[in-house]
Protein backbone atom coordinates (compact mmCIF):
# COMPACT_ATOMS: atom_id res chain seq x y z
CA MET A 1 0.08 0.14 -0.19
CA SER A 2 1.23 3.74 -0.81
CA GLU A 3 1.93 5.96 2.12
CA LEU A 4 -0.94 8.02 3.04
CA ASN A 5 -1.56 11.43 3.61
CA SER A 6 0.06 12.90 6.32
CA PRO A 7 -2.27 14.93 8.86
CA ASP A 8 0.03 17.91 8.22
CA LEU A 9 -1.84 18.15 4.79
CA ALA A 10 -4.87 18.55 6.27
CA ALA A 11 -4.07 21.47 8.54
CA ALA A 12 -2.28 23.49 5.77
CA VAL A 13 -5.26 23.09 3.76
CA ASN A 14 -7.66 24.11 6.64
CA ALA A 15 -5.69 26.89 7.65
CA LYS A 16 -6.08 28.68 3.98
CA GLY A 17 -8.91 30.65 2.54
CA PHE A 18 -12.61 30.34 3.89
CA SER A 19 -11.80 27.64 6.46
CA GLY A 20 -8.84 29.58 8.43
CA ALA A 21 -11.14 33.03 7.74
CA ALA A 22 -14.05 31.24 9.53
CA GLY A 23 -12.01 29.80 12.56
CA PHE A 24 -12.66 25.89 11.38
CA ARG A 25 -10.41 24.20 13.61
CA ILE A 26 -9.06 20.51 13.24
CA LEU A 27 -9.55 18.39 16.67
CA ALA A 28 -8.06 14.99 15.02
CA ILE A 29 -7.56 13.12 12.00
CA THR A 30 -6.81 9.13 11.64
CA PRO A 31 -6.86 7.73 8.35
CA GLY A 32 -10.57 7.67 7.19
CA HIS A 33 -11.71 10.40 9.96
CA ALA A 34 -11.55 14.09 11.23
CA GLU A 35 -12.94 15.88 13.62
CA GLN A 36 -13.29 19.79 13.50
CA ALA A 37 -14.54 22.65 15.82
CA LEU A 38 -15.82 25.90 15.14
CA THR A 39 -16.70 28.39 17.99
CA ARG A 40 -19.89 30.32 17.50
CA ARG A 41 -19.35 34.44 16.74
CA ASP A 42 -21.85 36.57 15.93
CA ASP A 43 -20.72 36.82 12.32
CA LEU A 44 -21.64 32.58 12.05
CA VAL A 45 -25.46 33.00 13.13
CA GLN A 46 -28.97 33.64 11.66
CA PHE A 47 -31.88 35.81 13.12
CA PHE A 48 -32.87 33.46 15.76
CA GLY A 49 -28.89 33.75 16.91
CA HIS A 50 -28.58 29.82 16.15
CA PHE A 51 -25.39 28.62 13.57
CA HIS A 52 -26.37 29.46 9.97
CA GLY A 53 -27.16 26.59 7.68
CA GLY A 54 -24.32 27.57 5.26
CA VAL A 55 -21.79 27.67 8.15
CA ILE A 56 -22.75 23.95 9.27
CA THR A 57 -22.91 22.98 5.65
CA ALA A 58 -19.20 24.20 5.19
CA LEU A 59 -18.11 22.78 8.32
CA ALA A 60 -19.16 19.20 7.58
CA ASP A 61 -17.84 19.63 4.20
CA GLN A 62 -14.60 20.50 5.18
CA ALA A 63 -14.33 17.86 7.97
CA ALA A 64 -15.30 15.20 4.79
CA GLY A 65 -12.64 16.09 2.55
CA ILE A 66 -10.45 16.25 5.60
CA ALA A 67 -11.77 12.47 6.46
CA VAL A 68 -11.33 11.27 2.65
CA THR A 69 -8.16 12.96 2.00
CA SER A 70 -6.59 11.60 4.96
CA GLY A 71 -6.87 7.73 3.90
CA LEU A 72 -5.96 8.97 0.32
CA PRO A 73 -1.92 8.24 -1.11
CA LYS A 74 0.10 11.05 -0.93
CA GLY A 75 -0.36 13.53 -3.24
CA LYS A 76 -4.13 13.12 -3.72
CA ILE A 77 -6.84 15.42 -2.29
CA GLY A 78 -10.47 14.78 -1.74
CA VAL A 79 -13.10 17.39 -3.49
CA THR A 80 -16.72 17.58 -3.22
CA VAL A 81 -18.93 16.51 -5.93
CA GLU A 82 -22.16 16.06 -3.93
CA ILE A 83 -23.26 17.11 -0.59
CA LYS A 84 -26.60 16.57 1.30
CA VAL A 85 -27.07 18.18 4.58
CA ASN A 86 -30.03 17.37 7.27
CA PHE A 87 -30.92 19.87 9.68
CA LEU A 88 -32.01 17.91 12.54
CA ALA A 89 -32.27 20.62 15.39
CA PRO A 90 -31.41 24.44 16.30
CA ALA A 91 -27.49 24.74 16.14
CA ASP A 92 -27.99 27.03 19.45
CA GLY A 93 -24.59 25.82 21.17
CA ASN A 94 -21.51 27.53 21.78
CA GLU A 95 -19.58 25.74 19.45
CA LEU A 96 -19.98 22.99 16.86
CA ILE A 97 -18.56 19.76 16.26
CA ALA A 98 -18.13 17.91 12.84
CA ARG A 99 -17.10 14.30 13.01
CA ALA A 100 -16.42 12.53 9.65
CA ASN A 101 -16.43 9.02 8.39
CA THR A 102 -15.37 7.43 5.18
CA LEU A 103 -17.96 5.24 4.67
CA LYS A 104 -16.51 3.67 1.03
CA MET A 105 -13.47 4.38 -1.03
CA SER A 106 -14.04 2.73 -4.59
CA GLY A 107 -11.44 4.26 -7.29
CA SER A 108 -11.29 7.73 -7.29
CA ILE A 109 -14.81 8.18 -5.47
CA GLY A 110 -15.23 8.17 -1.83
CA VAL A 111 -18.66 9.09 -0.04
CA ALA A 112 -18.18 9.95 3.50
CA THR A 113 -20.66 10.87 6.65
CA VAL A 114 -20.62 13.46 8.97
CA GLU A 115 -22.39 14.33 12.03
CA VAL A 116 -22.09 17.73 13.19
CA PHE A 117 -23.27 18.47 17.07
CA THR A 118 -23.98 21.54 18.74
CA ARG A 119 -21.93 22.15 21.92
CA ASP A 120 -22.59 24.40 25.34
CA ASP A 121 -21.23 24.04 28.82
CA LYS A 122 -24.37 21.32 29.39
CA SER A 123 -24.43 19.02 26.46
CA GLU A 124 -23.97 18.08 22.79
CA ARG A 125 -26.72 17.40 20.81
CA LEU A 126 -27.09 16.32 17.10
CA CYS A 127 -28.35 19.19 14.76
CA ALA A 128 -27.17 17.84 11.41
CA PHE A 129 -26.17 14.83 9.34
CA CYS A 130 -24.43 15.16 5.86
CA THR A 131 -23.56 12.64 3.11
CA ALA A 132 -20.72 13.80 1.03
CA THR A 133 -19.54 12.38 -2.36
CA MET A 134 -15.64 13.36 -2.77
CA ARG A 135 -13.39 12.70 -5.91
CA ALA A 136 -9.62 12.15 -5.21
CA LEU A 137 -7.69 14.20 -7.09
CA ASP A 138 -3.75 14.70 -7.87
CA LEU A 139 -3.10 17.68 -5.29
CA PRO A 140 -1.66 20.91 -7.25
CA ALA A 141 2.11 21.47 -6.98
CA GLY A 142 2.83 23.84 -3.79
CA ALA A 143 -0.95 23.76 -3.01
CA THR A 144 -0.07 23.48 0.48
CA ARG A 145 3.10 25.75 1.17
């Protein structure tokens, strides 16, 4: 089996662009699994004061991409082909936690599932469930540095 991507790749990708600006934090990465978090800020909520659905979707998408990428051979990266999110409850906590797992990798296509939890001082509650289809592409030269 070829060498897998290093968790450093996910950290470098996560730090750039929207993910870094939004404040996504990587909590854990193992081959086929990723956990990310996002602390509540006023610019990430909707008019009821809950995390915005687009923010939840973006966090789930990034976690799914990291989970798939972490199980790919070195030099490959998973990019989103399709994503579906079911919003199950208001994301009214102080933080979001996304836990992603690669469900199946076949050739260049992988499917990941993501559970997104809203957390506060008292509890952690499932607020969204996501399925994402990813395609493995060659990592562009110099993309992480």
